[in-house]
C-alpha cells in the first residue's frame, strides 16, 4: 500500500464546519486518510487492490460503519481494475473472491455487507467491461451517504433546544462516514443553528477515537469541544451539564437494539438514570431488519494488545490478560430516538422501524 504525508486529497473542502473528506477517489486511485496517525500527522494511503483495502479496514486505517462500506465499494472497483483484463475468462470469479475478502474484514458493521451487496447487483447487471458501472455505483454510495448525513443532521438538530449541551462518543463524523457525519452531523447542524451550549466528547478507549479523532474534527472545523475520560460520563450527567447523549451505530436490529462502539450501553444506562435523553443517528443502510435483536449479532473481538498497550507501549502488568470486544448492544428500551435520513423514530421498536422502512419504500 503506497503512502504519502500531505493533505492533497483533502482539497475538496465543502463549507464551514464541514471541511474533511477522509475517503476520496482521485486520479483513478483510492485515497484514504490514515486515522491511526491522527492527530499527530495527516498521512494518506493509496491501496492498490482489494486485499490492501481489506487490510486498511481491518487495521483501522478507515473505521466507522458508513466509511467501511464506502471504502469496500471502492475496493471492488480496484479489484475490477486488477482482474478484468488479466484474469482471463474467470475474472468474475476473481472479483467475487475479492468481495468475500472485503466482507470478512470487519463483519459487525452491517454497512459493509450492504455496500458489497449493491456492488454485486451492479456487477450482475453489467454487460461487457463493468469498470465504469462499478465506479459509478461506488460514487453513488459515497454521495448518498453524505446527502443522508446532512438530512440526519437537520432532523436531529430539530430535537435540540437552544442552549442545550451534548455528549458524544467514539467518532461519528466525516472520518467515520463519507462526510459530515451521523451523530457529529447532528452536532454540526445544531452548532450552525446556534443551538448548542457545549459539546463534550468521551475519549473512547482503547483506540481513543473521541480524543484523537472527534476532538481533531471539531477543533479543525471551529466547533469548541471539551474532552472527558470515559469514566467521567456519570459525573458529567449527575452535574446536569448535558441534556443529550448522541451516538452513531454500526447496526440496528429489527427490535431497535443498537450495536455500537463498546461503552455505548453504559452511557445509555447512565443517561436513563439521570434523565438525559439518548439519541442514535444512523442511516437506513445501518438498519438490519433480518435480525430480530442484538443477541443475534456477531460482536467483533479484537486483540488483547489494544487494551494492554497504549501508543505501542505496554501499560499493563506482565501476565495480565485482556478481554476486548469492539462493540456492545444497547437495548432498544434505553434509546429515546433513532434519527435516520428518512425520519425520526421515537422509542424505536419493531413496529416503528418496520413503519419507517415501509414509508420510505412507498
Protein backbone atom coordinates (compact mmCIF):
# COMPACT_ATOMS: atom_id res chain seq x y z
CA UNK A 1 0.00 0.00 0.00
CA UNK A 2 1.52 3.30 -1.04
CA UNK A 3 1.58 6.21 1.40
CA UNK A 4 2.12 9.94 1.28
CA UNK A 5 2.29 12.57 4.02
CA UNK A 6 0.30 15.58 2.84
CA UNK A 7 -3.22 16.95 2.64
CA UNK A 8 -3.50 16.88 -1.12
CA UNK A 9 -6.51 14.57 -1.22
CA UNK A 10 -8.47 16.87 1.08
CA UNK A 11 -8.70 19.66 -1.46
CA UNK A 12 -12.48 19.39 -1.95
CA UNK A 13 -13.35 21.29 1.24
CA UNK A 14 -17.08 21.97 1.42
CA UNK A 15 -18.14 24.79 3.73
CA UNK A 16 -17.86 26.00 7.31
CA UNK A 17 -17.87 23.30 10.00
CA UNK A 18 -17.57 20.61 7.29
CA UNK A 19 -14.18 20.51 5.59
CA UNK A 20 -12.94 16.93 5.99
CA UNK A 21 -13.18 14.12 3.42
CA UNK A 22 -11.16 11.12 4.59
CA UNK A 23 -12.15 8.84 1.67
CA UNK A 24 -11.58 10.12 -1.85
CA UNK A 25 -11.25 8.80 -5.38
CA UNK A 26 -8.77 10.97 -7.25
CA UNK A 27 -6.79 10.42 -10.43
CA UNK A 28 -8.09 6.86 -10.74
CA UNK A 29 -6.94 5.81 -7.29
CA UNK A 30 -8.40 5.45 -3.83
CA UNK A 31 -7.08 7.88 -1.19
CA UNK A 32 -7.53 7.01 2.50
CA UNK A 33 -6.57 9.28 5.37
CA UNK A 34 -4.78 7.03 7.87
CA UNK A 35 -6.82 7.56 11.02
CA UNK A 36 -4.29 5.69 13.15
CA UNK A 37 -1.85 8.58 12.69
CA UNK A 38 -4.20 11.40 13.70
CA UNK A 39 -3.93 13.92 15.23
CA UNK A 40 -0.12 13.91 15.10
CA UNK A 41 0.13 13.83 11.30
CA UNK A 42 -2.02 13.51 8.21
CA UNK A 43 -0.85 10.54 6.17
CA UNK A 44 -2.67 9.43 3.03
CA UNK A 45 -2.56 5.80 1.91
CA UNK A 46 -3.30 4.54 -1.59
CA UNK A 47 -4.36 0.86 -1.58
CA UNK A 48 -3.87 -0.74 -4.97
CA UNK A 49 -6.12 -3.81 -4.69
CA UNK A 50 -8.98 -5.33 -2.71
CA UNK A 51 -6.65 -7.17 -0.33
CA UNK A 52 -4.99 -3.88 0.64
CA UNK A 53 -8.41 -2.28 1.17
CA UNK A 54 -9.47 -5.17 3.43
CA UNK A 55 -6.28 -4.73 5.42
CA UNK A 56 -6.94 -0.99 5.75
CA UNK A 57 -10.42 -1.72 7.11
CA UNK A 58 -9.26 -4.45 9.48
CA UNK A 59 -6.29 -2.43 10.78
CA UNK A 60 -8.37 0.71 11.45
CA UNK A 61 -6.86 2.91 8.75
CA UNK A 62 -10.51 3.56 7.98
CA UNK A 63 -13.24 2.95 10.56
CA UNK A 64 -16.85 3.84 11.18
CA UNK A 65 -19.67 1.78 9.68
CA UNK A 66 -20.60 4.05 6.71
CA UNK A 67 -16.94 4.72 5.88
CA UNK A 68 -16.18 0.99 5.90
CA UNK A 69 -18.98 0.35 3.42
CA UNK A 70 -17.88 3.17 1.10
CA UNK A 71 -14.26 2.05 1.20
CA UNK A 72 -15.22 -1.54 0.43
CA UNK A 73 -17.21 -0.35 -2.60
CA UNK A 74 -14.11 1.36 -3.94
CA UNK A 75 -12.21 -1.83 -3.12
CA UNK A 76 -14.45 -3.67 -5.57
CA UNK A 77 -13.53 -1.10 -8.22
CA UNK A 78 -9.83 -1.74 -7.57
CA UNK A 79 -10.49 -5.47 -7.89
CA UNK A 80 -12.14 -4.88 -11.26
CA UNK A 81 -9.17 -2.83 -12.41
CA UNK A 82 -6.84 -5.67 -11.42
CA UNK A 83 -8.76 -8.66 -12.77
CA UNK A 84 -10.92 -7.63 -15.72
CA UNK A 85 -8.03 -7.77 -18.22
CA UNK A 86 -5.53 -10.07 -16.50
CA UNK A 87 -7.59 -12.93 -15.11
CA UNK A 88 -8.88 -14.31 -18.38
CA UNK A 89 -12.35 -15.80 -18.53
CA UNK A 90 -12.58 -16.25 -14.77
CA UNK A 91 -12.28 -12.55 -13.87
CA UNK A 92 -15.79 -12.52 -12.39
CA UNK A 93 -14.82 -15.37 -10.06
CA UNK A 94 -11.71 -13.43 -9.01
CA UNK A 95 -13.86 -10.39 -8.34
CA UNK A 96 -16.33 -12.45 -6.30
CA UNK A 97 -13.46 -13.88 -4.22
CA UNK A 98 -12.19 -10.36 -3.50
CA UNK A 99 -15.67 -9.34 -2.33
CA UNK A 100 -15.58 -12.23 0.16
CA UNK A 101 -12.24 -10.96 1.47
CA UNK A 102 -13.63 -7.45 1.84
CA UNK A 103 -16.78 -8.72 3.56
CA UNK A 104 -14.76 -10.57 6.20
CA UNK A 105 -12.65 -7.54 7.16
CA UNK A 106 -14.97 -6.27 9.95
CA UNK A 107 -18.32 -8.09 9.82
CA UNK A 108 -20.16 -6.39 12.71
CA UNK A 109 -20.82 -3.19 10.74
CA UNK A 110 -23.81 -4.01 8.52
CA UNK A 111 -22.95 -1.20 6.08
CA UNK A 112 -20.08 -3.34 4.82
CA UNK A 113 -22.36 -6.16 3.68
CA UNK A 114 -24.92 -3.63 2.42
CA UNK A 115 -22.41 -1.84 0.19
CA UNK A 116 -20.97 -5.07 -1.16
CA UNK A 117 -24.49 -6.30 -1.95
CA UNK A 118 -25.05 -3.18 -4.04
CA UNK A 119 -21.78 -3.72 -5.87
CA UNK A 120 -22.72 -7.36 -6.57
CA UNK A 121 -26.05 -6.30 -8.04
CA UNK A 122 -24.26 -3.71 -10.18
CA UNK A 123 -21.83 -6.34 -11.43
CA UNK A 124 -24.64 -8.76 -12.25
CA UNK A 125 -26.37 -6.10 -14.32
CA UNK A 126 -23.25 -5.04 -16.21
CA UNK A 127 -22.52 -6.21 -19.72
CA UNK A 128 -19.03 -6.14 -21.17
CA UNK A 129 -16.43 -4.21 -19.20
CA UNK A 130 -18.00 -3.49 -15.77
CA UNK A 131 -15.45 -0.95 -14.55
CA UNK A 132 -17.35 2.24 -15.38
CA UNK A 133 -20.59 0.90 -13.90
CA UNK A 134 -18.87 -0.25 -10.70
CA UNK A 135 -17.11 3.09 -10.25
CA UNK A 136 -20.38 4.96 -10.81
CA UNK A 137 -22.06 2.79 -8.17
CA UNK A 138 -19.26 3.38 -5.66
CA UNK A 139 -19.54 7.12 -6.27
CA UNK A 140 -23.32 6.89 -5.73
CA UNK A 141 -22.88 5.05 -2.43
CA UNK A 142 -20.43 7.74 -1.34
CA UNK A 143 -22.58 10.70 -2.42
CA UNK A 144 -25.77 9.21 -0.98
CA UNK A 145 -24.08 8.84 2.40
CA UNK A 146 -23.10 12.50 2.54
CA UNK A 147 -26.60 13.53 1.49
CA UNK A 148 -28.13 11.26 4.14
CA UNK A 149 -25.86 12.70 6.80
CA UNK A 150 -26.97 16.25 6.04
CA UNK A 151 -30.61 15.15 6.23
CA UNK A 152 -30.00 13.41 9.56
CA UNK A 153 -28.19 16.46 10.84
CA UNK A 154 -31.18 18.70 10.22
CA UNK A 155 -33.66 16.22 11.71
CA UNK A 156 -31.56 15.57 14.78
CA UNK A 157 -30.81 19.25 15.36
CA UNK A 158 -34.53 19.89 15.31
CA UNK A 159 -34.85 17.89 18.53
CA UNK A 160 -32.29 20.01 20.41
CA UNK A 161 -33.43 23.16 22.18
CA UNK A 162 -31.32 26.31 22.25
CA UNK A 163 -28.70 26.29 24.98
CA UNK A 164 -28.60 22.51 25.44
CA UNK A 165 -25.28 20.70 25.69
CA UNK A 166 -24.49 17.26 24.34
CA UNK A 167 -22.13 14.36 24.98
CA UNK A 168 -20.95 12.27 22.06
CA UNK A 169 -18.86 9.11 21.95
CA UNK A 170 -16.30 7.47 19.69
CA UNK A 171 -16.07 9.23 16.31
CA UNK A 172 -19.15 9.63 14.15
CA UNK A 173 -18.11 12.47 11.89
CA UNK A 174 -16.56 12.94 8.48
CA UNK A 175 -13.84 10.45 9.38
CA UNK A 176 -16.41 7.72 10.04
CA UNK A 177 -18.60 8.42 7.01
CA UNK A 178 -18.42 9.79 3.50
CA UNK A 179 -18.57 13.28 5.00
CA UNK A 180 -20.37 15.47 7.57
CA UNK A 181 -21.16 12.59 9.90
CA UNK A 182 -24.04 10.90 11.70
CA UNK A 183 -24.04 11.96 15.36
CA UNK A 184 -21.44 14.63 14.58
CA UNK A 185 -23.63 15.66 11.64
CA UNK A 186 -26.39 16.39 14.16
CA UNK A 187 -23.90 18.32 16.27
CA UNK A 188 -22.62 20.26 13.25
CA UNK A 189 -26.17 21.21 12.23
CA UNK A 190 -27.12 22.20 15.79
CA UNK A 191 -23.97 24.30 16.10
CA UNK A 192 -24.63 26.06 12.80
CA UNK A 193 -28.16 26.81 14.03
CA UNK A 194 -26.76 28.45 17.16
CA UNK A 195 -28.40 25.94 19.47
CA UNK A 196 -25.57 24.25 21.34
CA UNK A 197 -24.37 25.42 24.71
CA UNK A 198 -21.49 22.95 24.67
CA UNK A 199 -20.11 19.75 23.18
CA UNK A 200 -18.43 17.05 25.26
CA UNK A 201 -16.61 14.05 23.82
CA UNK A 202 -15.77 10.80 25.59
CA UNK A 203 -12.18 9.70 24.96
CA UNK A 204 -13.26 6.16 23.89
CA UNK A 205 -10.75 3.55 24.97
CA UNK A 206 -8.91 1.57 23.73
CA UNK A 207 -8.41 3.36 20.36
CA UNK A 208 -9.23 6.83 21.75
CA UNK A 209 -11.37 7.79 18.77
CA UNK A 210 -13.01 10.55 20.80
CA UNK A 211 -9.75 12.06 21.97
CA UNK A 212 -7.81 11.65 18.74
CA UNK A 213 -10.47 11.93 16.04
CA UNK A 214 -13.64 13.65 17.26
CA UNK A 215 -11.68 16.37 19.07
CA UNK A 216 -9.50 16.82 15.97
CA UNK A 217 -12.51 17.10 13.65
CA UNK A 218 -14.42 19.57 15.78
CA UNK A 219 -11.39 21.72 16.53
CA UNK A 220 -10.41 21.76 12.85
CA UNK A 221 -13.92 22.87 11.88
CA UNK A 222 -14.16 25.54 14.58
CA UNK A 223 -16.59 23.84 16.96
CA UNK A 224 -15.43 24.07 20.60
CA UNK A 225 -15.20 20.66 22.29
CA UNK A 226 -14.44 19.54 25.85
CA UNK A 227 -12.89 16.09 26.25
CA UNK A 228 -13.73 13.83 29.20
CA UNK A 229 -12.43 10.46 30.29
CA UNK A 230 -14.95 7.70 29.67
CA UNK A 231 -15.45 7.14 33.40
CA UNK A 232 -16.35 10.82 33.94
CA UNK A 233 -19.62 10.49 31.99
CA UNK A 234 -21.75 9.71 35.04
CA UNK A 235 -20.37 12.70 36.96
CA UNK A 236 -21.00 14.93 33.93
CA UNK A 237 -24.64 13.87 33.74
CA UNK A 238 -25.10 13.96 37.50
CA UNK A 239 -23.94 17.58 37.45
CA UNK A 240 -26.58 18.43 34.82
CA UNK A 241 -24.00 19.59 32.30
CA UNK A 242 -25.53 17.75 29.31
CA UNK A 243 -29.11 17.21 28.16
CA UNK A 244 -28.44 14.78 25.30
CA UNK A 245 -26.14 11.87 24.60
CA UNK A 246 -25.80 11.46 20.82
CA UNK A 247 -24.12 8.43 19.28
CA UNK A 248 -23.96 6.64 15.96
CA UNK A 249 -24.49 2.94 15.29
CA UNK A 250 -22.82 0.10 13.45
CA UNK A 251 -26.06 -1.90 13.23
CA UNK A 252 -29.67 -1.51 14.41
CA UNK A 253 -31.70 -4.72 14.58
CA UNK A 254 -35.40 -5.17 13.91
CA UNK A 255 -36.44 -4.58 17.53
CA UNK A 256 -34.42 -1.35 17.80
CA UNK A 257 -31.37 -2.71 19.62
CA UNK A 258 -28.27 -0.66 18.80
CA UNK A 259 -24.86 -2.21 18.20
CA UNK A 260 -22.18 0.43 18.58
CA UNK A 261 -18.72 1.09 19.98
CA UNK A 262 -18.07 -0.69 23.28
CA UNK A 263 -19.19 1.60 26.10
CA UNK A 264 -22.33 2.89 24.37
CA UNK A 265 -24.58 0.70 26.50
CA UNK A 266 -23.01 2.09 29.67
CA UNK A 267 -23.74 5.64 28.52
CA UNK A 268 -27.36 4.74 27.75
CA UNK A 269 -27.85 3.24 31.21
CA UNK A 270 -26.33 6.29 32.93
CA UNK A 271 -28.36 8.66 30.76
CA UNK A 272 -31.61 6.92 31.67
CA UNK A 273 -30.75 7.11 35.38
CA UNK A 274 -30.09 10.86 35.26
CA UNK A 275 -32.88 11.81 32.87
CA UNK A 276 -30.58 12.67 29.97
CA UNK A 277 -32.07 11.89 26.56
CA UNK A 278 -30.30 9.37 24.32
CA UNK A 279 -30.24 9.86 20.54
CA UNK A 280 -28.84 7.45 17.94
CA UNK A 281 -28.15 8.89 14.48
CA UNK A 282 -27.67 6.29 11.75
CA UNK A 283 -28.50 5.99 8.05
CA UNK A 284 -31.06 3.46 6.91
CA UNK A 285 -28.19 1.38 5.48
CA UNK A 286 -27.35 0.60 9.13
CA UNK A 287 -30.77 -0.96 9.78
CA UNK A 288 -30.72 -4.76 9.75
CA UNK A 289 -34.31 -5.98 9.90
CA UNK A 290 -33.16 -9.52 9.13
CA UNK A 291 -32.04 -9.93 12.75
CA UNK A 292 -34.65 -9.96 15.50
CA UNK A 293 -32.43 -8.48 18.20
CA UNK A 294 -28.90 -7.57 19.13
CA UNK A 295 -28.40 -11.01 20.65
CA UNK A 296 -28.03 -12.39 17.10
CA UNK A 297 -25.19 -10.03 16.10
CA UNK A 298 -21.62 -11.26 15.78
CA UNK A 299 -19.58 -8.99 18.05
CA UNK A 300 -16.05 -8.45 16.81
CA UNK A 301 -13.36 -9.48 19.30
CA UNK A 302 -10.10 -7.62 18.79
CA UNK A 303 -6.60 -8.43 20.01
CA UNK A 304 -5.70 -8.03 23.70
CA UNK A 305 -2.72 -5.83 22.86
CA UNK A 306 -5.10 -2.92 22.19
CA UNK A 307 -6.04 -2.92 25.88
CA UNK A 308 -2.70 -3.97 27.31
CA UNK A 309 -0.78 -1.29 25.39
CA UNK A 310 -1.09 2.40 24.60
CA UNK A 311 0.62 4.04 21.61
CA UNK A 312 2.71 0.92 21.12
CA UNK A 313 3.93 0.80 24.74
CA UNK A 314 2.70 -1.84 27.17
CA UNK A 315 0.90 -0.30 30.13
CA UNK A 316 -0.44 -3.44 31.84
CA UNK A 317 1.49 -5.63 34.22
CA UNK A 318 3.20 -8.64 32.73
CA UNK A 319 0.98 -11.69 32.89
CA UNK A 320 -2.30 -9.74 32.67
CA UNK A 321 -4.86 -10.86 30.09
CA UNK A 322 -7.46 -8.67 28.35
CA UNK A 323 -11.00 -9.05 27.00
CA UNK A 324 -11.53 -6.68 24.10
CA UNK A 325 -14.95 -6.67 22.39
CA UNK A 326 -15.15 -3.83 19.87
CA UNK A 327 -18.91 -3.29 20.26
CA UNK A 328 -21.76 -3.73 22.71
CA UNK A 329 -25.55 -3.95 22.42
CA UNK A 330 -27.70 -1.12 23.77
CA UNK A 331 -31.25 -2.39 24.37
CA UNK A 332 -33.89 -0.51 22.40
CA UNK A 333 -35.68 0.45 25.61
CA UNK A 334 -32.80 2.77 26.51
CA UNK A 335 -32.96 4.71 23.23
CA UNK A 336 -35.17 7.81 23.18
CA UNK A 337 -34.99 8.37 19.44
CA UNK A 338 -33.41 6.98 16.30
CA UNK A 339 -32.66 9.62 13.67
CA UNK A 340 -32.31 8.47 10.06
CA UNK A 341 -32.27 10.36 6.79
CA UNK A 342 -35.86 9.22 6.21
CA UNK A 343 -37.30 10.30 9.51
CA UNK A 344 -37.15 10.08 13.29
CA UNK A 345 -38.42 7.07 15.24
CA UNK A 346 -39.28 7.87 18.85
CA UNK A 347 -38.70 4.98 21.25
CA UNK A 348 -37.64 2.68 18.40
CA UNK A 349 -39.15 -0.79 18.35
CA UNK A 350 -40.06 -3.39 15.75
CA UNK A 351 -43.26 -1.65 14.67
CA UNK A 352 -41.59 1.74 14.46
CA UNK A 353 -38.67 0.52 12.36
CA UNK A 354 -40.90 -1.52 10.08
CA UNK A 355 -43.10 1.54 9.59
CA UNK A 356 -40.10 3.71 8.75
CA UNK A 357 -38.88 1.26 6.12
CA UNK A 358 -42.37 0.80 4.66
CA UNK A 359 -42.93 4.54 4.43
CA UNK A 360 -39.59 5.14 2.74
CA UNK A 361 -40.29 2.41 0.19
CA UNK A 362 -43.79 3.68 -0.51
